[in-house]
Protein backbone atom coordinates (compact mmCIF):
# COMPACT_ATOMS: atom_id res chain seq x y z
CA MET A 1 100.47 166.22 118.50
CA THR A 2 98.79 169.21 116.87
CA LEU A 3 98.65 167.33 113.55
CA ALA A 4 97.19 164.26 115.25
CA ARG A 5 94.54 166.36 116.99
CA GLY A 6 93.70 168.07 113.70
CA PHE A 7 93.35 164.70 111.96
CA ARG A 8 91.08 163.40 114.73
CA SER A 9 89.02 166.58 114.67
CA LEU A 10 88.57 166.25 110.89
CA GLY A 11 87.53 162.62 111.20
CA LEU A 12 85.03 163.33 113.99
CA GLY A 13 83.61 166.22 111.96
CA ILE A 14 82.94 163.83 109.08
CA VAL A 15 81.40 161.27 111.45
CA LEU A 16 78.96 163.92 112.71
CA ALA A 17 78.10 165.33 109.27
CA TRP A 18 74.48 164.95 108.25
CA GLY A 19 72.05 165.91 105.51
CA TRP A 20 73.40 167.48 102.35
CA LYS A 21 76.88 167.86 103.88
CA ARG A 22 77.07 164.11 104.34
CA ALA A 23 76.04 163.50 100.73
CA ALA A 24 78.51 166.10 99.45
CA ILE A 25 81.41 164.58 101.40
CA ALA A 26 80.60 161.10 100.08
CA LEU A 27 80.26 162.40 96.52
CA LEU A 28 83.59 164.25 96.69
CA ALA A 29 85.38 161.25 98.25
CA GLY A 30 84.05 158.99 95.50
CA ALA A 31 85.09 161.40 92.75
CA LEU A 32 88.62 161.69 94.14
CA SER A 33 88.81 157.89 94.31
CA ALA A 34 88.48 157.73 90.52
CA LEU A 35 91.98 159.25 90.33
CA ALA A 36 93.32 155.86 91.42
CA MET A 37 92.36 154.32 88.06
CA ALA A 38 94.18 154.54 84.73
CA PRO A 39 95.53 156.67 83.21
CA ILE A 40 96.31 158.71 86.36
CA ASN A 41 96.90 155.78 88.77
CA ALA A 42 97.11 158.11 91.79
CA TRP A 43 96.22 155.28 94.18
CA LEU A 44 97.63 157.06 97.24
CA VAL A 45 94.47 159.20 97.22
CA LEU A 46 92.57 156.17 98.50
CA PHE A 47 94.39 156.50 101.83
CA VAL A 48 92.25 159.63 102.21
CA THR A 49 88.96 158.70 100.56
CA PHE A 50 88.38 155.23 102.03
CA PRO A 51 88.89 156.44 105.63
CA VAL A 52 86.30 159.12 104.86
CA LEU A 53 83.88 156.37 103.81
CA VAL A 54 84.55 154.52 107.09
CA TRP A 55 83.84 157.66 109.10
CA LEU A 56 80.63 158.31 107.18
CA ILE A 57 79.43 154.79 107.94
CA ASP A 58 80.42 155.34 111.59
CA GLY A 59 78.12 158.35 111.65
CA ALA A 60 75.30 156.49 109.92
CA GLY A 61 74.65 154.66 113.20
CA ALA A 62 72.74 157.69 114.42
CA GLY A 63 70.07 157.03 111.79
CA ARG A 64 67.03 154.74 111.92
CA TRP A 65 67.17 150.96 111.43
CA ARG A 66 70.63 150.82 113.00
CA GLY A 67 71.88 153.19 110.32
CA ILE A 68 71.64 150.68 107.47
CA GLY A 69 69.56 153.00 105.28
CA ALA A 70 71.85 155.97 105.94
CA ALA A 71 74.91 153.83 105.17
CA ALA A 72 73.33 152.67 101.91
CA LEU A 73 72.61 156.26 100.87
CA THR A 74 76.17 157.24 101.77
CA GLY A 75 77.47 154.35 99.67
CA TRP A 76 75.30 155.40 96.75
CA TRP A 77 76.67 158.96 96.77
CA PHE A 78 80.22 157.63 97.09
CA GLY A 79 79.66 155.21 94.19
CA PHE A 80 77.98 157.85 92.01
CA GLY A 81 80.90 160.19 92.62
CA TYR A 82 83.32 157.39 91.73
CA PHE A 83 81.64 156.20 88.52
CA VAL A 84 80.79 159.53 86.85
CA PRO A 85 84.42 160.71 86.36
CA GLY A 86 85.59 157.13 85.93
CA LEU A 87 83.13 156.34 83.12
CA TYR A 88 82.47 159.75 81.53
CA TRP A 89 84.07 158.47 78.31
CA ILE A 90 81.08 156.21 77.59
CA GLY A 91 79.31 159.37 76.48
CA TYR A 92 81.69 159.66 73.51
CA ALA A 93 80.01 156.64 71.89
CA PHE A 94 76.72 158.51 71.71
CA LEU A 95 78.36 161.32 69.72
CA VAL A 96 79.53 159.04 66.89
CA ASP A 97 76.02 159.41 65.44
CA ALA A 98 74.92 162.46 67.41
CA PRO A 99 71.64 163.07 65.48
CA THR A 100 70.43 159.60 66.46
CA PHE A 101 71.97 159.03 69.87
CA GLY A 102 73.15 162.43 71.13
CA TRP A 103 70.09 162.98 73.29
CA LEU A 104 71.01 159.85 75.27
CA LEU A 105 74.41 161.20 76.32
CA PRO A 106 73.26 162.58 79.72
CA VAL A 107 71.41 159.32 80.39
CA ALA A 108 74.58 157.31 79.69
CA VAL A 109 76.96 159.57 81.61
CA CYS A 110 74.72 159.82 84.69
CA GLY A 111 72.31 156.88 84.37
CA LEU A 112 74.91 154.10 84.25
CA PRO A 113 76.83 155.48 87.27
CA ALA A 114 73.53 155.84 89.14
CA TYR A 115 72.83 152.15 88.52
CA LEU A 116 76.36 150.96 89.34
CA ALA A 117 76.33 153.00 92.55
CA LEU A 118 73.55 150.72 93.80
CA PHE A 119 76.16 148.00 94.28
CA THR A 120 78.34 150.33 96.33
CA ALA A 121 75.23 151.22 98.32
CA ALA A 122 74.52 147.53 98.93
CA GLY A 123 78.11 146.99 100.05
CA CYS A 124 77.94 149.87 102.54
CA ALA A 125 74.55 148.67 103.85
CA LEU A 126 75.95 145.18 104.45
CA ALA A 127 79.01 146.73 106.12
CA ARG A 128 76.78 148.70 108.51
CA LEU A 129 74.83 145.53 109.30
CA ILE A 130 77.99 143.80 110.57
CA TRP A 131 79.73 146.99 111.77
CA THR A 132 81.92 146.94 114.87
CA LYS A 133 83.30 149.68 117.10
CA ASP A 134 86.98 148.92 116.67
CA ALA A 135 89.50 148.34 113.88
CA THR A 136 87.70 145.21 112.62
CA ARG A 137 85.11 147.47 111.00
CA VAL A 138 87.74 148.09 108.29
CA LEU A 139 87.56 144.37 107.51
CA ALA A 140 83.75 144.59 107.56
CA LEU A 141 83.91 147.29 104.88
CA ALA A 142 86.46 145.31 102.82
CA VAL A 143 84.32 142.14 102.89
CA SER A 144 81.11 143.99 102.08
CA LEU A 145 82.44 146.21 99.29
CA THR A 146 84.15 143.21 97.69
CA ALA A 147 80.82 141.38 97.72
CA GLY A 148 79.16 144.40 96.13
CA GLU A 149 81.87 144.66 93.48
CA TRP A 150 81.58 140.95 92.69
CA LEU A 151 77.82 141.33 92.23
CA ARG A 152 78.43 144.33 89.97
CA GLY A 153 80.66 142.13 87.85
CA HIS A 154 78.05 139.38 87.47
CA LEU A 155 74.47 140.61 87.87
CA LEU A 156 72.51 141.42 84.67
CA THR A 157 75.44 140.34 82.42
CA GLY A 158 77.86 142.19 84.73
CA PHE A 159 80.04 145.27 84.40
CA PRO A 160 83.17 144.90 86.59
CA TRP A 161 84.88 147.93 85.05
CA ASN A 162 87.21 149.80 87.45
CA ALA A 163 86.77 147.40 90.34
CA PHE A 164 88.56 148.87 93.34
CA GLY A 165 91.30 146.23 93.10
CA TYR A 166 92.66 147.83 89.92
CA ALA A 167 94.11 150.55 92.16
CA LEU A 168 96.78 147.98 93.09
CA THR A 169 97.92 147.34 89.53
CA GLU A 170 100.42 150.19 89.29
CA PRO A 171 103.34 149.88 89.86
CA LEU A 172 103.55 146.49 88.21
CA ALA A 173 105.14 144.83 91.24
CA LEU A 174 101.92 145.34 93.25
CA ALA A 175 99.86 143.78 90.46
CA GLN A 176 101.71 140.47 90.71
CA SER A 177 99.55 139.46 93.67
CA ALA A 178 96.75 138.95 91.14
CA SER A 179 98.52 135.73 90.18
CA LEU A 180 97.54 134.48 93.65
CA VAL A 181 94.14 135.97 94.43
CA GLY A 182 92.83 137.57 91.22
CA ILE A 183 91.06 140.90 90.94
CA TRP A 184 88.50 140.11 93.65
CA GLY A 185 91.24 139.30 96.13
CA LEU A 186 92.99 142.53 95.17
CA THR A 187 89.70 144.39 95.70
CA PHE A 188 89.46 143.08 99.27
CA LEU A 189 93.09 143.97 99.94
CA ALA A 190 92.72 147.43 98.42
CA VAL A 191 89.74 148.38 100.60
CA ALA A 192 91.30 146.90 103.76
CA ILE A 193 94.68 148.57 103.19
CA PHE A 194 93.45 151.99 102.11
CA ALA A 195 90.68 152.24 104.74
CA SER A 196 93.01 151.37 107.64
CA PRO A 197 94.01 154.96 108.61
CA ALA A 198 90.38 155.52 109.67
CA VAL A 199 91.05 153.82 113.02
CA LEU A 200 93.58 156.52 114.00
CA ILE A 201 90.71 158.68 115.28
CA ASP A 202 89.23 155.89 117.45
CA ASP A 203 88.79 156.26 121.17
CA GLY A 204 91.53 154.51 123.11
CA ALA A 205 89.01 152.37 124.99
CA ALA A 206 87.48 150.98 121.78
CA THR A 207 90.78 150.54 119.95
CA PRO A 208 93.67 150.42 122.43
CA ARG A 209 96.37 150.02 119.76
CA ARG A 210 95.17 152.35 117.04
CA TRP A 211 98.48 152.18 115.20
CA LEU A 212 98.20 148.41 114.66
CA ALA A 213 95.73 148.45 111.72
CA PRO A 214 97.56 151.01 109.53
CA THR A 215 100.88 149.37 110.38
CA ALA A 216 99.54 145.96 109.33
CA ALA A 217 98.17 147.53 106.14
CA LEU A 218 101.54 149.09 105.34
CA CYS A 219 103.25 145.73 105.96
CA ALA A 220 100.78 144.03 103.62
CA LEU A 221 101.50 146.62 100.94
CA LEU A 222 105.25 146.17 101.34
CA ALA A 223 104.87 142.38 101.24
CA MET A 224 102.91 142.64 97.99
CA ALA A 225 105.58 144.88 96.50
CA ALA A 226 108.37 142.53 97.62
CA TYR A 227 106.58 139.49 96.20
CA GLY A 228 106.05 141.30 92.92
CA MET A 229 109.65 142.46 92.59
CA ILE A 230 110.95 138.95 93.32
CA ARG A 231 108.52 137.42 90.82
CA LEU A 232 109.51 139.89 88.12
CA SER A 233 113.22 139.41 88.73
CA LEU A 234 113.05 135.60 88.77
CA GLN A 235 111.05 135.34 85.55
CA PRO A 236 112.82 137.26 82.79
CA PRO A 237 111.03 137.72 79.46
CA ALA A 238 111.16 134.77 77.04
CA ASN A 239 109.73 134.34 73.54
CA VAL A 240 108.16 131.57 71.49
CA ALA A 241 110.56 130.46 68.77
CA ASP A 242 109.70 131.15 65.13
CA VAL A 243 106.54 133.17 65.82
CA ARG A 244 106.63 136.76 64.58
CA LEU A 245 103.63 139.02 65.13
CA ARG A 246 102.47 142.06 63.19
CA ILE A 247 99.57 144.08 64.62
CA MET A 248 97.82 146.56 62.34
CA GLN A 249 96.19 149.60 63.97
CA PRO A 250 94.21 151.53 61.29
CA ASN A 251 92.75 154.31 63.50
CA LEU A 252 89.63 154.51 61.32
CA GLN A 253 86.75 156.80 62.21
CA GLN A 254 83.63 154.98 63.41
CA ASP A 255 81.40 156.29 60.60
CA VAL A 256 83.79 154.75 58.04
CA ARG A 257 83.94 151.37 59.78
CA PHE A 258 80.18 150.88 59.47
CA ASN A 259 79.71 152.31 55.99
CA TYR A 260 79.51 149.68 53.23
CA ALA A 261 80.22 152.35 50.63
CA ALA A 262 83.69 152.70 52.18
CA LYS A 263 84.48 149.02 51.50
CA ALA A 264 87.20 149.70 48.91
CA GLU A 265 88.75 152.47 51.02
CA VAL A 266 88.89 150.27 54.13
CA MET A 267 90.41 147.30 52.30
CA ARG A 268 92.99 149.49 50.59
CA LYS A 269 94.07 151.02 53.88
CA TYR A 270 94.25 147.66 55.66
CA LEU A 271 96.25 146.02 52.90
CA THR A 272 98.66 148.93 52.46
CA LEU A 273 99.21 149.44 56.18
CA SER A 274 99.68 145.72 56.84
CA ASP A 275 102.50 145.54 54.31
CA ARG A 276 104.22 148.74 55.42
CA ALA A 277 107.93 148.51 56.11
CA THR A 278 108.74 149.97 59.53
CA GLY A 279 112.47 150.38 59.01
CA PRO A 280 115.45 149.45 56.88
CA GLN A 281 115.52 145.94 58.41
CA THR A 282 111.86 145.11 57.65
CA THR A 283 110.15 144.02 54.46
CA GLY A 284 106.50 144.38 55.45
CA VAL A 285 104.12 141.50 56.08
CA ARG A 286 106.66 138.96 54.83
CA ASP A 287 108.44 139.35 58.17
CA ALA A 288 105.38 138.10 60.08
CA THR A 289 104.01 134.62 60.65
CA ILE A 290 100.82 136.03 62.22
CA LEU A 291 99.13 139.25 61.09
CA ILE A 292 96.44 140.63 63.42
CA TRP A 293 93.65 143.08 62.56
CA PRO A 294 91.27 144.63 65.15
CA GLU A 295 87.64 143.94 66.03
CA SER A 296 84.93 144.23 63.34
CA ALA A 297 87.56 145.22 60.84
CA PHE A 298 85.24 145.48 57.83
CA PRO A 299 81.99 147.32 57.02
CA PHE A 300 80.70 144.11 55.36
CA PHE A 301 80.44 140.36 55.87
CA LEU A 302 83.98 139.25 55.12
CA ALA A 303 83.21 135.64 54.22
CA ARG A 304 80.54 136.80 51.73
CA GLU A 305 82.91 139.08 49.78
CA PRO A 306 85.02 136.90 47.44
CA ASP A 307 87.03 139.87 46.18
CA ALA A 308 88.03 140.83 49.72
CA MET A 309 89.05 137.26 50.51
CA ALA A 310 91.10 137.18 47.30
CA GLN A 311 92.87 140.40 48.27
CA ILE A 312 93.72 138.90 51.66
CA ALA A 313 95.09 135.79 49.98
CA ASP A 314 97.25 137.97 47.73
CA LEU A 315 98.55 139.87 50.75
CA LEU A 316 99.51 136.90 52.91
CA PRO A 317 102.81 135.13 52.23
CA LYS A 318 102.96 131.37 52.56
CA GLN A 319 102.76 130.22 56.21
CA THR A 320 101.40 133.60 57.35
CA ILE A 321 98.06 133.54 59.16
CA LEU A 322 95.64 136.47 59.45
CA ILE A 323 93.60 136.88 62.65
CA ALA A 324 90.87 139.44 61.99
CA GLY A 325 87.64 140.63 63.51
CA SER A 326 84.53 140.77 61.34
CA VAL A 327 80.77 140.61 61.60
CA ARG A 328 79.51 137.22 60.45
CA ALA A 329 76.17 136.32 58.95
CA PRO A 330 74.37 133.30 60.42
CA GLU A 331 73.77 130.21 58.33
CA GLN A 332 70.48 130.56 56.46
CA PRO A 333 68.94 129.76 53.06
CA PRO A 334 70.31 131.73 50.03
CA GLY A 335 68.41 134.90 49.22
CA MET A 336 66.99 135.28 52.72
CA ARG A 337 67.44 138.75 54.20
CA ILE A 338 70.11 138.95 56.90
CA THR A 339 68.73 140.67 59.98
CA ARG A 340 71.17 139.55 62.68
CA ALA A 341 74.89 138.79 62.88
CA TYR A 342 77.72 137.50 65.03
CA ASN A 343 80.68 139.58 66.15
CA SER A 344 83.46 137.17 65.23
CA ILE A 345 87.15 136.46 64.89
CA TYR A 346 88.43 134.68 61.77
CA ALA A 347 91.70 132.85 61.31
CA ILE A 348 92.58 132.90 57.58
CA ASP A 349 95.56 131.29 55.87
CA HIS A 350 97.62 132.39 52.86
CA ASP A 351 95.26 130.90 50.26
CA GLY A 352 92.16 132.57 51.71
CA SER A 353 90.85 129.49 53.53
CA ILE A 354 89.07 130.06 56.84
CA LEU A 355 90.83 127.93 59.45
CA ALA A 356 88.68 128.78 62.47
CA ILE A 357 85.94 131.10 63.71
CA TYR A 358 85.12 132.36 67.19
CA ASP A 359 81.84 134.17 67.90
CA LYS A 360 81.75 136.71 70.71
CA LEU A 361 80.09 135.21 73.75
CA HIS A 362 79.60 138.18 76.09
CA LEU A 363 77.83 140.96 74.21
CA VAL A 364 77.73 144.63 75.26
CA PRO A 365 74.29 145.79 76.49
CA PHE A 366 72.95 148.74 74.47
CA GLY A 367 75.99 148.46 72.19
CA GLU A 368 75.40 145.05 70.63
CA PHE A 369 71.94 144.19 71.97
CA LEU A 370 69.05 145.77 73.83
CA PRO A 371 67.29 144.31 76.85
CA PHE A 372 63.84 143.19 75.65
CA GLN A 373 65.13 143.64 72.10
CA ASP A 374 61.85 143.18 70.18
CA LEU A 375 59.86 145.50 72.41
CA MET A 376 62.54 148.19 72.42
CA GLU A 377 62.79 148.11 68.62
CA LYS A 378 59.02 148.39 68.25
CA ILE A 379 59.01 151.66 70.19
CA GLY A 380 61.90 153.06 68.15
CA PHE A 381 65.07 152.22 70.06
CA VAL A 382 68.18 150.78 68.44
CA GLN A 383 71.58 149.81 69.87
CA LEU A 384 74.68 151.80 68.98
CA THR A 385 75.82 149.35 66.27
CA LYS A 386 72.38 149.58 64.59
CA VAL A 387 72.20 145.85 63.89
CA GLN A 388 68.49 145.10 63.69
CA GLY A 389 67.60 142.36 66.14
CA GLY A 390 70.94 142.74 67.91
CA PHE A 391 74.04 140.61 67.61
CA ILE A 392 73.82 136.87 68.24
CA PRO A 393 75.96 135.59 71.13
CA GLY A 394 78.31 132.69 70.53
CA ASP A 395 77.53 129.33 72.06
CA ARG A 396 80.69 128.77 74.12
CA ARG A 397 84.22 129.92 74.86
CA ARG A 398 86.61 128.11 72.54
CA ALA A 399 90.33 128.15 71.84
CA ILE A 400 91.73 128.15 68.31
CA ASP A 401 94.47 125.89 67.02
CA LEU A 402 96.84 127.61 64.60
CA PRO A 403 99.59 126.01 62.50
CA HIS A 404 103.14 126.73 63.69
CA ALA A 405 101.93 128.66 66.78
CA PRO A 406 100.66 127.89 70.30
CA ARG A 407 96.95 127.38 70.86
CA MET A 408 95.17 130.73 71.10
CA LEU A 409 92.28 131.92 73.30
CA PRO A 410 90.33 134.69 71.50
CA LEU A 411 88.56 137.50 73.35
CA ILE A 412 86.61 140.27 71.66
CA CYS A 413 86.44 143.77 73.14
CA TYR A 414 85.39 143.91 76.77
CA GLU A 415 85.28 140.13 77.16
CA ALA A 416 88.80 140.72 78.50
CA VAL A 417 87.50 142.50 81.62
CA PHE A 418 85.65 139.42 82.94
CA PRO A 419 88.19 137.36 84.90
CA ASP A 420 85.74 134.56 85.67
CA GLU A 421 84.77 133.91 82.04
CA LEU A 422 88.03 132.91 80.38
CA GLY A 423 87.35 129.21 80.79
CA SER A 424 90.05 126.56 80.91
CA ARG A 425 93.58 127.57 79.90
CA GLU A 426 94.54 123.94 79.26
CA GLY A 427 96.80 123.81 76.23
CA VAL A 428 96.46 127.58 75.64
CA GLY A 429 99.68 129.43 74.94
CA TRP A 430 98.41 132.99 74.46
CA ILE A 431 95.37 135.24 74.43
CA VAL A 432 94.34 137.50 71.54
CA ASN A 433 92.12 140.46 72.36
CA LEU A 434 90.64 142.27 69.35
CA THR A 435 88.85 145.47 70.24
CA ASN A 436 87.52 148.72 68.87
CA ASP A 437 87.94 151.45 71.46
CA GLY A 438 87.53 154.05 68.73
CA TRP A 439 83.99 154.58 70.06
CA PHE A 440 85.49 156.42 73.03
CA GLY A 441 87.90 158.84 71.38
CA ILE A 442 90.99 160.16 73.11
CA SER A 443 89.79 159.55 76.65
CA SER A 444 90.65 157.50 79.72
CA GLY A 445 88.49 154.58 78.53
CA PRO A 446 91.11 152.87 76.32
CA TYR A 447 93.75 153.24 79.05
CA GLN A 448 91.44 151.59 81.58
CA HIS A 449 90.64 148.81 79.10
CA LEU A 450 94.35 148.12 78.61
CA GLN A 451 94.91 148.14 82.38
CA GLN A 452 92.21 145.52 82.91
CA THR A 453 93.32 143.38 79.98
CA ARG A 454 96.84 143.34 81.38
CA MET A 455 95.47 141.92 84.62
CA ARG A 456 94.19 138.84 82.79
CA ALA A 457 97.77 138.14 81.66
CA ILE A 458 99.05 138.29 85.25
CA GLU A 459 96.18 136.20 86.62
CA GLN A 460 96.59 133.45 84.05
CA GLY A 461 100.33 133.52 83.37
CA LEU A 462 99.57 133.94 79.66
CA PRO A 463 100.75 136.60 77.18
CA ILE A 464 98.08 138.80 75.66
CA VAL A 465 98.28 140.32 72.21
CA ARG A 466 95.89 143.22 71.79
CA ALA A 467 94.84 144.74 68.48
CA ALA A 468 92.72 147.89 68.72
CA ASN A 469 91.32 150.05 65.93
CA SER A 470 92.44 153.36 67.42
CA GLY A 471 94.72 152.00 70.14
CA ILE A 472 96.08 151.03 72.46
CA SER A 473 97.45 147.96 70.66
CA ALA A 474 100.02 146.08 72.72
CA VAL A 475 101.94 142.88 73.31
CA ILE A 476 101.88 141.96 77.01
CA ASP A 477 103.96 139.21 78.57
CA PRO A 478 102.60 136.76 81.21
CA LEU A 479 103.71 139.01 84.07
CA GLY A 480 102.00 142.09 82.65
CA ARG A 481 105.11 143.69 81.18
CA ILE A 482 104.25 145.63 78.03
CA VAL A 483 106.72 144.39 75.44
CA ALA A 484 105.55 146.68 72.64
CA LYS A 485 102.64 149.04 72.03
CA LEU A 486 101.10 151.57 69.66
CA ASP A 487 99.81 154.72 71.32
CA LEU A 488 96.22 155.87 71.36
CA GLY A 489 94.97 157.73 68.30
CA VAL A 490 97.72 156.80 65.81
CA GLU A 491 97.80 154.48 62.82
CA GLY A 492 100.62 152.07 62.26
CA VAL A 493 101.92 148.54 62.58
CA LEU A 494 103.56 146.87 65.54
CA ASP A 495 106.08 144.07 65.05
CA SER A 496 106.95 141.84 67.97
CA ALA A 497 107.91 138.37 69.04
CA LEU A 498 105.30 136.33 70.94
CA PRO A 499 106.13 136.09 74.67
CA ALA A 500 106.19 132.55 76.03
CA ALA A 501 103.53 131.44 78.51
CA LYS A 502 104.41 130.66 82.12
CA LYS A 503 103.20 127.74 84.20
CA PRO A 504 99.60 128.12 85.40
CA THR A 505 99.42 130.54 88.33
CA ILE A 506 97.73 129.84 91.66
CA TYR A 507 94.77 131.85 90.39
CA ALA A 508 94.68 129.94 87.09
CA ARG A 509 94.59 126.64 88.97
CA PHE A 510 92.19 127.50 91.79
CA GLY A 511 90.27 130.53 90.57
CA ASN A 512 88.66 132.61 93.32
CA ILE A 513 89.13 130.00 96.06
CA PRO A 514 92.22 131.68 97.64
CA ALA A 515 90.41 135.03 97.69
CA LEU A 516 87.29 133.43 99.17
CA ILE A 517 89.36 131.87 101.96
CA ILE A 518 90.88 135.26 102.86
CA ILE A 519 87.49 136.96 102.77
CA ALA A 520 85.86 134.19 104.80
CA LEU A 521 88.54 134.43 107.49
CA ALA A 522 88.05 138.20 107.65
CA MET A 523 84.29 137.69 107.95
CA ILE A 524 84.81 135.27 110.85
CA VAL A 525 86.98 137.82 112.65
CA VAL A 526 84.34 140.52 112.15
CA LEU A 527 81.44 138.35 113.29
CA ARG A 528 83.33 137.14 116.37
CA ARG A 529 84.04 140.73 117.36
CA ARG A 530 80.47 141.72 116.61
CA LEU A 531 79.16 138.98 118.88
CA ALA A 532 81.69 139.90 121.57
CA ASN A 533 80.55 143.53 121.45
CA SER A 534 76.93 142.43 121.71
């Protein structure tokens, strides 16, 4: 009883907090929530931080305009606290060329979180607008924050990094529910489950059975775990026959990757590393039917360097295909100066012929293009890759047909974190994700990127093969099991079979519809209770 009274006293103290104390509590709760993301994955902390957010919104009702403004400000502080430690690693990219971009580091580390926190603020404001006095307010928060997170993933090109649903991706059994409802469904479930202990401080008249909400949340969590364990046990790993992968991870420094003078050094390293024997039973690249190099693998236009193409042809045995990232010049008259480029993936066969090309569709703001590009360049700004005019986006998502292998869906860099942009998986047997996380050093960024990429495998029921410059390169099966990987910050090659695809999941067939149904039902419950209270 003493513990229960202490818990209720703590909760009521947070409800009554105001001014700078209120902001500090929200900021601290948001910062602790970042521990739920990779590489720490301490998701149990959300059972503390999300109830705190509920209590803060409870207390916002004492403010003007029914507390909507106070709830929004609380949400902003919570979001700012969450995004600063969760995205600090973005600052590393501005130190690659510190004389040019170093002064922007504080803007990146604090400015981006300040912007992203606006979506958390909007979610909390909407929650306060439909707030109730009993346990259904937990559902109000889950619906509203999910809406805010969805907007964050779509508005102004979108940035859904570290959506709250990723807290339910470790252990792997919990992540299997993504095959049913996707990341947005998991986001709703995460907020509803983790915020449920907040009702334990409620007055008995408002919430007669205070234990019901946290008990239901615990049952939901156990049901997710049981579903995941059954799914994992009933679908053992299986491989595609006669497909042997070799992933090359060069771990090159960023200044080398964008220096044309280092052309010979880069090619020599790629060729030597790709043909490295990894043990007494291997003979180098001859063991592979598909060789994979990471994003933007060359400090030059690959297709315009005949000697480089000849070296690749000499490297590849017959019936071995190279999948490699490279910048690509647009088609234009000979002799005309090249001012813009595509970020592309090439499929090249053993005689140096280009079999297919995919151009990156979803470009990175400030990395590959600037908003209002021409104006920004006129006043002296340039994006991190220093491509004048910015990269050119591809025209559409397209799969690539390869000889002697299943049809492949290519994704470049953070295209893999957008669940709604993969397009049709019809006929697709695997996903290839080429990336260059070397911008972000030895930080939590690459671990988070891998975590989110793995979710696309579970959602779609497709294996994902990931080649990263500095790591983490990995082969992931359709249930998110990591079959093989190369650690962050090492160079090497990774040999693996290609996991076989599974039948399309519920999410692959219906997209966000199952999640929308769950969220809509929760919204109906909240609105009915809101009207009843009125």
